[in-house]
Amino acid sequence: MNIENVHRAINQIETIEEMERVIYFLKQRQKQLETIQVAINKSLLGVGSKVEIPSPRGKEIGEIIDIKRTKAIVDIDGQRYNCPISILEAV
């Protein structure tokens, strides 16, 4: 997909209703992609897996302690964090 084409199409929107429909479709697609990413990560990761987590301080390395439906408890330097599975990357 060419981002420039998307940008041009967005600039052609003329009403708030059209913009709201576009935003709705974008949010739906975002949810679909997150669901796919969670499924992929769940198949690749398990309790004890080393993972990389993006944070404001940069990427951090942790270990999965528990996996729930959409989140995982990750131990990073002795602290436990409840992280969305979609953001975890195997190390």
C-alpha atoms as a PDB file:
ATOM      1  CA  MET A   1       0.000   0.000   0.000  1.00  0.00           C
ATOM      2  CA  ASN A   2       1.244   3.441  -0.862  1.00  0.00           C
ATOM      3  CA  ILE A   3       0.912   5.876   2.047  1.00  0.00           C
ATOM      4  CA  GLU A   4       0.855   8.835  -0.344  1.00  0.00           C
ATOM      5  CA  ASN A   5      -2.317   7.439  -1.956  1.00  0.00           C
ATOM      6  CA  VAL A   6      -3.896   7.058   1.475  1.00  0.00           C
ATOM      7  CA  HIS A   7      -2.909  10.622   2.335  1.00  0.00           C
ATOM      8  CA  ARG A   8      -4.490  11.919  -0.898  1.00  0.00           C
ATOM      9  CA  ALA A   9      -7.678   9.946  -0.236  1.00  0.00           C
ATOM     10  CA  ILE A  10      -7.936  11.347   3.300  1.00  0.00           C
ATOM     11  CA  ASN A  11      -7.527  14.876   1.947  1.00  0.00           C
ATOM     12  CA  GLN A  12     -10.497  14.276  -0.366  1.00  0.00           C
ATOM     13  CA  ILE A  13     -12.860  13.628   2.563  1.00  0.00           C
ATOM     14  CA  GLU A  14     -15.417  16.413   2.636  1.00  0.00           C
ATOM     15  CA  THR A  15     -17.740  15.701   5.574  1.00  0.00           C
ATOM     16  CA  ILE A  16     -17.456  14.787   9.227  1.00  0.00           C
ATOM     17  CA  GLU A  17     -19.614  11.709   8.566  1.00  0.00           C
ATOM     18  CA  GLU A  18     -17.150  10.438   5.955  1.00  0.00           C
ATOM     19  CA  MET A  19     -14.269  11.077   8.351  1.00  0.00           C
ATOM     20  CA  GLU A  20     -16.051   9.197  11.145  1.00  0.00           C
ATOM     21  CA  ARG A  21     -16.575   6.198   8.823  1.00  0.00           C
ATOM     22  CA  VAL A  22     -12.889   6.210   7.876  1.00  0.00           C
ATOM     23  CA  ILE A  23     -11.900   6.378  11.551  1.00  0.00           C
ATOM     24  CA  TYR A  24     -14.291   3.496  12.319  1.00  0.00           C
ATOM     25  CA  PHE A  25     -12.746   1.364   9.540  1.00  0.00           C
ATOM     26  CA  LEU A  26      -9.231   2.189  10.749  1.00  0.00           C
ATOM     27  CA  LYS A  27     -10.083   1.174  14.320  1.00  0.00           C
ATOM     28  CA  GLN A  28     -11.636  -2.078  13.092  1.00  0.00           C
ATOM     29  CA  ARG A  29      -8.522  -2.893  11.055  1.00  0.00           C
ATOM     30  CA  GLN A  30      -6.307  -2.015  14.022  1.00  0.00           C
ATOM     31  CA  LYS A  31      -8.239  -4.485  16.199  1.00  0.00           C
ATOM     32  CA  GLN A  32      -7.897  -7.177  13.522  1.00  0.00           C
ATOM     33  CA  LEU A  33      -4.141  -6.667  13.256  1.00  0.00           C
ATOM     34  CA  GLU A  34      -3.746  -6.716  17.050  1.00  0.00           C
ATOM     35  CA  THR A  35      -5.745  -9.963  17.239  1.00  0.00           C
ATOM     36  CA  ILE A  36      -3.511 -11.523  14.595  1.00  0.00           C
ATOM     37  CA  GLN A  37      -0.367 -10.348  16.401  1.00  0.00           C
ATOM     38  CA  VAL A  38      -1.621 -11.732  19.734  1.00  0.00           C
ATOM     39  CA  ALA A  39      -2.330 -15.113  18.105  1.00  0.00           C
ATOM     40  CA  ILE A  40       1.136 -15.210  16.536  1.00  0.00           C
ATOM     41  CA  ASN A  41       2.845 -14.180  19.777  1.00  0.00           C
ATOM     42  CA  LYS A  42       0.842 -16.702  21.836  1.00  0.00           C
ATOM     43  CA  SER A  43       1.955 -19.492  19.520  1.00  0.00           C
ATOM     44  CA  LEU A  44       5.610 -18.419  19.752  1.00  0.00           C
ATOM     45  CA  LEU A  45       5.815 -17.452  23.428  1.00  0.00           C
ATOM     46  CA  GLY A  46       5.261 -19.326  26.658  1.00  0.00           C
ATOM     47  CA  VAL A  47       5.930 -19.079  30.356  1.00  0.00           C
ATOM     48  CA  GLY A  48       9.687 -18.683  30.809  1.00  0.00           C
ATOM     49  CA  SER A  49      10.247 -17.119  27.375  1.00  0.00           C
ATOM     50  CA  LYS A  50      12.629 -14.187  27.178  1.00  0.00           C
ATOM     51  CA  VAL A  51      10.960 -11.191  25.535  1.00  0.00           C
ATOM     52  CA  GLU A  52      11.772  -7.661  24.468  1.00  0.00           C
ATOM     53  CA  ILE A  53       9.321  -4.949  25.514  1.00  0.00           C
ATOM     54  CA  PRO A  54       9.261  -1.392  24.167  1.00  0.00           C
ATOM     55  CA  SER A  55       9.250   1.233  26.924  1.00  0.00           C
ATOM     56  CA  PRO A  56       9.868   4.959  27.282  1.00  0.00           C
ATOM     57  CA  ARG A  57      13.458   4.105  28.318  1.00  0.00           C
ATOM     58  CA  GLY A  58      14.001   2.003  25.192  1.00  0.00           C
ATOM     59  CA  LYS A  59      13.651  -1.726  24.706  1.00  0.00           C
ATOM     60  CA  GLU A  60      13.808  -3.820  27.860  1.00  0.00           C
ATOM     61  CA  ILE A  61      14.360  -7.555  28.269  1.00  0.00           C
ATOM     62  CA  GLY A  62      12.127  -9.598  30.542  1.00  0.00           C
ATOM     63  CA  GLU A  63      10.793 -13.087  31.197  1.00  0.00           C
ATOM     64  CA  ILE A  64       7.173 -14.163  30.892  1.00  0.00           C
ATOM     65  CA  ILE A  65       5.776 -15.288  34.248  1.00  0.00           C
ATOM     66  CA  ASP A  66       2.147 -15.880  33.230  1.00  0.00           C
ATOM     67  CA  ILE A  67       0.053 -15.588  30.065  1.00  0.00           C
ATOM     68  CA  LYS A  68      -3.561 -14.455  30.119  1.00  0.00           C
ATOM     69  CA  ARG A  69      -6.005 -13.963  27.228  1.00  0.00           C
ATOM     70  CA  THR A  70      -4.539 -10.713  25.842  1.00  0.00           C
ATOM     71  CA  LYS A  71      -1.821  -9.820  28.356  1.00  0.00           C
ATOM     72  CA  ALA A  72       1.215 -11.417  29.917  1.00  0.00           C
ATOM     73  CA  ILE A  73       2.882 -10.808  33.248  1.00  0.00           C
ATOM     74  CA  VAL A  74       6.530 -10.073  32.506  1.00  0.00           C
ATOM     75  CA  ASP A  75       9.349  -9.898  35.049  1.00  0.00           C
ATOM     76  CA  ILE A  76      11.831  -7.132  34.251  1.00  0.00           C
ATOM     77  CA  ASP A  77      14.679  -6.795  36.766  1.00  0.00           C
ATOM     78  CA  GLY A  78      12.558  -8.113  39.632  1.00  0.00           C
ATOM     79  CA  GLN A  79       9.526  -5.954  38.812  1.00  0.00           C
ATOM     80  CA  ARG A  80       6.388  -7.527  37.338  1.00  0.00           C
ATOM     81  CA  TYR A  81       4.478  -5.765  34.573  1.00  0.00           C
ATOM     82  CA  ASN A  82       1.165  -6.575  32.908  1.00  0.00           C
ATOM     83  CA  CYS A  83       2.011  -6.197  29.185  1.00  0.00           C
ATOM     84  CA  PRO A  84      -0.183  -6.567  26.090  1.00  0.00           C
ATOM     85  CA  ILE A  85       0.912  -9.721  24.264  1.00  0.00           C
ATOM     86  CA  SER A  86       0.805  -7.823  20.957  1.00  0.00           C
ATOM     87  CA  ILE A  87       3.839  -5.689  21.926  1.00  0.00           C
ATOM     88  CA  LEU A  88       6.072  -8.564  23.082  1.00  0.00           C
ATOM     89  CA  GLU A  89       8.887  -9.806  20.858  1.00  0.00           C
ATOM     90  CA  ALA A  90      10.800 -13.040  21.422  1.00  0.00           C
ATOM     91  CA  VAL A  91      14.523 -12.607  22.142  1.00  0.00           C
END
